[in-house]
Amino acid sequence: LALPKVYPEWCTQKVLVMDYMAGESL
């Protein structure tokens, strides 16, 4: 499994920042 980490210092109720994960939809 590959799971993105989030960056809490840049997250708000309307913004979410997490790792870019390269891949294709199933």
PDB file of all heavy atoms in Angstrom:
ATOM      1  N   LEU A   1       0.838  -1.194   0.000  1.00  0.00           N
ATOM      2  CA  LEU A   1       0.000   0.000   0.000  1.00  0.00           C
ATOM      3  C   LEU A   1       0.875   1.246   0.000  1.00  0.00           C
ATOM      4  O   LEU A   1       1.955   1.268   0.593  1.00  0.00           O
ATOM      5  CB  LEU A   1      -0.915   0.025   1.228  1.00  0.00           C
ATOM      6  CG  LEU A   1      -1.869  -1.151   1.415  1.00  0.00           C
ATOM      7  CD1 LEU A   1      -2.692  -0.949   2.682  1.00  0.00           C
ATOM      8  CD2 LEU A   1      -2.772  -1.327   0.211  1.00  0.00           C
ATOM      9  N   ALA A   2       0.404   2.282  -0.659  1.00  0.00           N
ATOM     10  CA  ALA A   2       1.054   3.588  -0.628  1.00  0.00           C
ATOM     11  C   ALA A   2       0.036   4.604  -0.132  1.00  0.00           C
ATOM     12  O   ALA A   2      -1.063   4.718  -0.701  1.00  0.00           O
ATOM     13  CB  ALA A   2       1.570   3.984  -2.013  1.00  0.00           C
ATOM     14  N   LEU A   3       0.377   5.310   0.936  1.00  0.00           N
ATOM     15  CA  LEU A   3      -0.560   6.232   1.576  1.00  0.00           C
ATOM     16  C   LEU A   3       0.064   7.618   1.692  1.00  0.00           C
ATOM     17  O   LEU A   3       1.226   7.748   2.075  1.00  0.00           O
ATOM     18  CB  LEU A   3      -0.939   5.720   2.970  1.00  0.00           C
ATOM     19  CG  LEU A   3      -1.436   4.267   3.027  1.00  0.00           C
ATOM     20  CD1 LEU A   3      -1.574   3.813   4.460  1.00  0.00           C
ATOM     21  CD2 LEU A   3      -2.755   4.136   2.297  1.00  0.00           C
ATOM     22  N   PRO A   4      -0.679   8.650   1.372  1.00  0.00           N
ATOM     23  CA  PRO A   4      -0.119  10.001   1.449  1.00  0.00           C
ATOM     24  C   PRO A   4      -0.030  10.505   2.885  1.00  0.00           C
ATOM     25  O   PRO A   4      -0.904  10.229   3.713  1.00  0.00           O
ATOM     26  CB  PRO A   4      -1.122  10.834   0.644  1.00  0.00           C
ATOM     27  CG  PRO A   4      -2.424  10.101   0.822  1.00  0.00           C
ATOM     28  CD  PRO A   4      -2.069   8.641   0.879  1.00  0.00           C
ATOM     29  N   LYS A   5       1.033  11.247   3.169  1.00  0.00           N
ATOM     30  CA  LYS A   5       1.132  11.984   4.425  1.00  0.00           C
ATOM     31  C   LYS A   5       0.509  13.359   4.227  1.00  0.00           C
ATOM     32  O   LYS A   5       0.571  13.930   3.147  1.00  0.00           O
ATOM     33  CB  LYS A   5       2.597  12.141   4.846  1.00  0.00           C
ATOM     34  CG  LYS A   5       3.281  10.851   5.259  1.00  0.00           C
ATOM     35  CD  LYS A   5       4.704  11.130   5.712  1.00  0.00           C
ATOM     36  CE  LYS A   5       5.414   9.861   6.144  1.00  0.00           C
ATOM     37  NZ  LYS A   5       6.820  10.125   6.578  1.00  0.00           N
ATOM     38  N   VAL A   6      -0.088  13.876   5.287  1.00  0.00           N
ATOM     39  CA  VAL A   6      -0.662  15.219   5.215  1.00  0.00           C
ATOM     40  C   VAL A   6       0.274  16.200   5.910  1.00  0.00           C
ATOM     41  O   VAL A   6       1.137  15.810   6.704  1.00  0.00           O
ATOM     42  CB  VAL A   6      -2.062  15.272   5.859  1.00  0.00           C
ATOM     43  CG1 VAL A   6      -3.044  14.414   5.090  1.00  0.00           C
ATOM     44  CG2 VAL A   6      -2.009  14.852   7.322  1.00  0.00           C
ATOM     45  N   TYR A   7       0.095  17.489   5.609  1.00  0.00           N
ATOM     46  CA  TYR A   7       0.915  18.548   6.175  1.00  0.00           C
ATOM     47  C   TYR A   7       0.009  19.472   6.986  1.00  0.00           C
ATOM     48  O   TYR A   7      -0.550  20.437   6.461  1.00  0.00           O
ATOM     49  CB  TYR A   7       1.648  19.303   5.059  1.00  0.00           C
ATOM     50  CG  TYR A   7       2.618  18.402   4.321  1.00  0.00           C
ATOM     51  CD1 TYR A   7       2.184  17.591   3.271  1.00  0.00           C
ATOM     52  CD2 TYR A   7       3.947  18.314   4.716  1.00  0.00           C
ATOM     53  CE1 TYR A   7       3.069  16.733   2.624  1.00  0.00           C
ATOM     54  CE2 TYR A   7       4.833  17.462   4.076  1.00  0.00           C
ATOM     55  CZ  TYR A   7       4.383  16.675   3.033  1.00  0.00           C
ATOM     56  OH  TYR A   7       5.262  15.814   2.393  1.00  0.00           O
ATOM     57  N   PRO A   8      -0.154  19.165   8.293  1.00  0.00           N
ATOM     58  CA  PRO A   8      -1.133  19.884   9.118  1.00  0.00           C
ATOM     59  C   PRO A   8      -0.918  21.395   9.151  1.00  0.00           C
ATOM     60  O   PRO A   8      -1.890  22.147   9.306  1.00  0.00           O
ATOM     61  CB  PRO A   8      -0.932  19.272  10.511  1.00  0.00           C
ATOM     62  CG  PRO A   8      -0.317  17.930  10.262  1.00  0.00           C
ATOM     63  CD  PRO A   8       0.544  18.111   9.056  1.00  0.00           C
ATOM     64  N   GLU A   9       0.332  21.837   9.021  1.00  0.00           N
ATOM     65  CA  GLU A   9       0.591  23.276   9.114  1.00  0.00           C
ATOM     66  C   GLU A   9      -0.043  24.067   7.983  1.00  0.00           C
ATOM     67  O   GLU A   9      -0.221  25.287   8.079  1.00  0.00           O
ATOM     68  CB  GLU A   9       2.099  23.543   9.155  1.00  0.00           C
ATOM     69  CG  GLU A   9       2.866  23.116   7.923  1.00  0.00           C
ATOM     70  CD  GLU A   9       3.388  21.691   7.980  1.00  0.00           C
ATOM     71  OE1 GLU A   9       2.693  20.843   8.584  1.00  0.00           O
ATOM     72  OE2 GLU A   9       4.470  21.428   7.426  1.00  0.00           O
ATOM     73  N   TRP A  10      -0.408  23.379   6.884  1.00  0.00           N
ATOM     74  CA  TRP A  10      -1.019  24.054   5.742  1.00  0.00           C
ATOM     75  C   TRP A  10      -2.461  23.603   5.515  1.00  0.00           C
ATOM     76  O   TRP A  10      -3.022  23.876   4.462  1.00  0.00           O
ATOM     77  CB  TRP A  10      -0.189  23.822   4.473  1.00  0.00           C
ATOM     78  CG  TRP A  10       1.254  24.183   4.607  1.00  0.00           C
ATOM     79  CD1 TRP A  10       2.341  23.367   4.399  1.00  0.00           C
ATOM     80  CD2 TRP A  10       1.786  25.452   5.001  1.00  0.00           C
ATOM     81  NE1 TRP A  10       3.502  24.044   4.639  1.00  0.00           N
ATOM     82  CE2 TRP A  10       3.199  25.337   5.009  1.00  0.00           C
ATOM     83  CE3 TRP A  10       1.216  26.680   5.344  1.00  0.00           C
ATOM     84  CZ2 TRP A  10       4.038  26.385   5.348  1.00  0.00           C
ATOM     85  CZ3 TRP A  10       2.048  27.727   5.690  1.00  0.00           C
ATOM     86  CH2 TRP A  10       3.440  27.578   5.696  1.00  0.00           C
ATOM     87  N   CYS A  11      -3.050  22.919   6.478  1.00  0.00           N
ATOM     88  CA  CYS A  11      -4.422  22.446   6.340  1.00  0.00           C
ATOM     89  C   CYS A  11      -5.385  23.337   7.122  1.00  0.00           C
ATOM     90  O   CYS A  11      -5.085  23.767   8.234  1.00  0.00           O
ATOM     91  CB  CYS A  11      -4.545  21.003   6.837  1.00  0.00           C
ATOM     92  SG  CYS A  11      -3.606  19.797   5.870  1.00  0.00           S
ATOM     93  N   THR A  12      -6.533  23.599   6.519  1.00  0.00           N
ATOM     94  CA  THR A  12      -7.611  24.337   7.175  1.00  0.00           C
ATOM     95  C   THR A  12      -8.915  23.616   6.888  1.00  0.00           C
ATOM     96  O   THR A  12      -8.922  22.559   6.240  1.00  0.00           O
ATOM     97  CB  THR A  12      -7.707  25.790   6.663  1.00  0.00           C
ATOM     98  OG1 THR A  12      -8.258  25.784   5.334  1.00  0.00           O
ATOM     99  CG2 THR A  12      -6.341  26.467   6.630  1.00  0.00           C
ATOM    100  N   GLN A  13     -10.021  24.191   7.317  1.00  0.00           N
ATOM    101  CA  GLN A  13     -11.316  23.562   7.046  1.00  0.00           C
ATOM    102  C   GLN A  13     -11.592  23.463   5.555  1.00  0.00           C
ATOM    103  O   GLN A  13     -12.314  22.580   5.109  1.00  0.00           O
ATOM    104  CB  GLN A  13     -12.444  24.339   7.723  1.00  0.00           C
ATOM    105  CG  GLN A  13     -13.800  23.654   7.573  1.00  0.00           C
ATOM    106  CD  GLN A  13     -14.902  24.350   8.336  1.00  0.00           C
ATOM    107  OE1 GLN A  13     -14.649  25.276   9.083  1.00  0.00           O
ATOM    108  NE2 GLN A  13     -16.135  23.912   8.147  1.00  0.00           N
ATOM    109  N   LYS A  14     -10.967  24.342   4.748  1.00  0.00           N
ATOM    110  CA  LYS A  14     -11.252  24.371   3.311  1.00  0.00           C
ATOM    111  C   LYS A  14     -10.049  24.014   2.445  1.00  0.00           C
ATOM    112  O   LYS A  14     -10.165  24.010   1.224  1.00  0.00           O
ATOM    113  CB  LYS A  14     -11.766  25.756   2.922  1.00  0.00           C
ATOM    114  CG  LYS A  14     -13.064  26.142   3.603  1.00  0.00           C
ATOM    115  CD  LYS A  14     -13.535  27.530   3.181  1.00  0.00           C
ATOM    116  CE  LYS A  14     -14.836  27.908   3.886  1.00  0.00           C
ATOM    117  NZ  LYS A  14     -15.309  29.254   3.484  1.00  0.00           N
ATOM    118  N   VAL A  15      -8.909  23.723   3.060  1.00  0.00           N
ATOM    119  CA  VAL A  15      -7.696  23.413   2.309  1.00  0.00           C
ATOM    120  C   VAL A  15      -7.026  22.190   2.930  1.00  0.00           C
ATOM    121  O   VAL A  15      -6.897  22.091   4.146  1.00  0.00           O
ATOM    122  CB  VAL A  15      -6.708  24.598   2.313  1.00  0.00           C
ATOM    123  CG1 VAL A  15      -5.416  24.222   1.581  1.00  0.00           C
ATOM    124  CG2 VAL A  15      -7.350  25.829   1.681  1.00  0.00           C
ATOM    125  N   LEU A  16      -6.601  21.255   2.067  1.00  0.00           N
ATOM    126  CA  LEU A  16      -5.907  20.052   2.527  1.00  0.00           C
ATOM    127  C   LEU A  16      -4.667  19.859   1.671  1.00  0.00           C
ATOM    128  O   LEU A  16      -4.759  19.834   0.438  1.00  0.00           O
ATOM    129  CB  LEU A  16      -6.825  18.838   2.409  1.00  0.00           C
ATOM    130  CG  LEU A  16      -6.297  17.499   2.932  1.00  0.00           C
ATOM    131  CD1 LEU A  16      -6.130  17.548   4.442  1.00  0.00           C
ATOM    132  CD2 LEU A  16      -7.250  16.363   2.547  1.00  0.00           C
ATOM    133  N   VAL A  17      -3.515  19.727   2.314  1.00  0.00           N
ATOM    134  CA  VAL A  17      -2.250  19.544   1.598  1.00  0.00           C
ATOM    135  C   VAL A  17      -1.663  18.194   1.987  1.00  0.00           C
ATOM    136  O   VAL A  17      -1.464  17.907   3.172  1.00  0.00           O
ATOM    137  CB  VAL A  17      -1.253  20.677   1.919  1.00  0.00           C
ATOM    138  CG1 VAL A  17       0.063  20.463   1.162  1.00  0.00           C
ATOM    139  CG2 VAL A  17      -1.854  22.039   1.569  1.00  0.00           C
ATOM    140  N   MET A  18      -1.393  17.358   0.978  1.00  0.00           N
ATOM    141  CA  MET A  18      -0.844  16.021   1.233  1.00  0.00           C
ATOM    142  C   MET A  18       0.117  15.638   0.115  1.00  0.00           C
ATOM    143  O   MET A  18       0.183  16.311  -0.917  1.00  0.00           O
ATOM    144  CB  MET A  18      -1.973  14.989   1.335  1.00  0.00           C
ATOM    145  CG  MET A  18      -2.792  14.826   0.073  1.00  0.00           C
ATOM    146  SD  MET A  18      -4.038  13.511   0.229  1.00  0.00           S
ATOM    147  CE  MET A  18      -5.067  14.143   1.534  1.00  0.00           C
ATOM    148  N   ASP A  19       0.846  14.550   0.337  1.00  0.00           N
ATOM    149  CA  ASP A  19       1.813  14.077  -0.653  1.00  0.00           C
ATOM    150  C   ASP A  19       1.151  13.813  -1.998  1.00  0.00           C
ATOM    151  O   ASP A  19       0.036  13.278  -2.055  1.00  0.00           O
ATOM    152  CB  ASP A  19       2.471  12.773  -0.177  1.00  0.00           C
ATOM    153  CG  ASP A  19       3.475  12.986   0.930  1.00  0.00           C
ATOM    154  OD1 ASP A  19       4.019  14.098   1.046  1.00  0.00           O
ATOM    155  OD2 ASP A  19       3.722  12.026   1.688  1.00  0.00           O
ATOM    156  N   TYR A  20       1.861  14.154  -3.060  1.00  0.00           N
ATOM    157  CA  TYR A  20       1.426  13.743  -4.400  1.00  0.00           C
ATOM    158  C   TYR A  20       1.749  12.270  -4.578  1.00  0.00           C
ATOM    159  O   TYR A  20       2.854  11.813  -4.289  1.00  0.00           O
ATOM    160  CB  TYR A  20       2.137  14.568  -5.472  1.00  0.00           C
ATOM    161  CG  TYR A  20       1.932  14.025  -6.870  1.00  0.00           C
ATOM    162  CD1 TYR A  20       0.708  14.169  -7.510  1.00  0.00           C
ATOM    163  CD2 TYR A  20       2.955  13.349  -7.529  1.00  0.00           C
ATOM    164  CE1 TYR A  20       0.503  13.656  -8.786  1.00  0.00           C
ATOM    165  CE2 TYR A  20       2.760  12.837  -8.805  1.00  0.00           C
ATOM    166  CZ  TYR A  20       1.529  12.995  -9.426  1.00  0.00           C
ATOM    167  OH  TYR A  20       1.339  12.479 -10.677  1.00  0.00           O
ATOM    168  N   MET A  21       0.767  11.492  -5.045  1.00  0.00           N
ATOM    169  CA  MET A  21       0.947  10.060  -5.236  1.00  0.00           C
ATOM    170  C   MET A  21       0.762   9.743  -6.716  1.00  0.00           C
ATOM    171  O   MET A  21      -0.325   9.925  -7.269  1.00  0.00           O
ATOM    172  CB  MET A  21      -0.071   9.272  -4.398  1.00  0.00           C
ATOM    173  CG  MET A  21      -0.128   9.667  -2.923  1.00  0.00           C
ATOM    174  SD  MET A  21       1.419   9.319  -2.040  1.00  0.00           S
ATOM    175  CE  MET A  21       1.338   7.540  -1.922  1.00  0.00           C
ATOM    176  N   ALA A  22       1.821   9.280  -7.354  1.00  0.00           N
ATOM    177  CA  ALA A  22       1.757   8.972  -8.787  1.00  0.00           C
ATOM    178  C   ALA A  22       1.075   7.632  -9.012  1.00  0.00           C
ATOM    179  O   ALA A  22       1.385   6.640  -8.347  1.00  0.00           O
ATOM    180  CB  ALA A  22       3.168   8.951  -9.374  1.00  0.00           C
ATOM    181  N   GLY A  23       0.144   7.595  -9.936  1.00  0.00           N
ATOM    182  CA  GLY A  23      -0.532   6.348 -10.254  1.00  0.00           C
ATOM    183  C   GLY A  23      -1.735   6.599 -11.137  1.00  0.00           C
ATOM    184  O   GLY A  23      -2.022   7.732 -11.528  1.00  0.00           O
ATOM    185  N   GLU A  24      -2.441   5.511 -11.451  1.00  0.00           N
ATOM    186  CA  GLU A  24      -3.655   5.575 -12.264  1.00  0.00           C
ATOM    187  C   GLU A  24      -4.817   5.001 -11.476  1.00  0.00           C
ATOM    188  O   GLU A  24      -4.650   4.087 -10.665  1.00  0.00           O
ATOM    189  CB  GLU A  24      -3.499   4.756 -13.547  1.00  0.00           C
ATOM    190  CG  GLU A  24      -2.555   5.313 -14.587  1.00  0.00           C
ATOM    191  CD  GLU A  24      -2.590   4.473 -15.861  1.00  0.00           C
ATOM    192  OE1 GLU A  24      -3.451   4.750 -16.726  1.00  0.00           O
ATOM    193  OE2 GLU A  24      -1.783   3.535 -15.980  1.00  0.00           O
ATOM    194  N   SER A  25      -6.014   5.531 -11.727  1.00  0.00           N
ATOM    195  CA  SER A  25      -7.210   4.975 -11.115  1.00  0.00           C
ATOM    196  C   SER A  25      -7.319   3.489 -11.446  1.00  0.00           C
ATOM    197  O   SER A  25      -6.889   3.042 -12.514  1.00  0.00           O
ATOM    198  CB  SER A  25      -8.443   5.716 -11.628  1.00  0.00           C
ATOM    199  OG  SER A  25      -9.617   4.974 -11.366  1.00  0.00           O
ATOM    200  N   LEU A  26      -7.894   2.723 -10.533  1.00  0.00           N
ATOM    201  CA  LEU A  26      -8.096   1.290 -10.794  1.00  0.00           C
ATOM    202  C   LEU A  26      -8.973   1.052 -12.012  1.00  0.00           C
ATOM    203  O   LEU A  26      -9.051  -0.071 -12.511  1.00  0.00           O
ATOM    204  CB  LEU A  26      -8.712   0.603  -9.574  1.00  0.00           C
ATOM    205  CG  LEU A  26      -7.778   0.305  -8.402  1.00  0.00           C
ATOM    206  CD1 LEU A  26      -8.477  -0.574  -7.382  1.00  0.00           C
ATOM    207  CD2 LEU A  26      -6.489  -0.358  -8.863  1.00  0.00           C
TER     208      LEU A  26
END
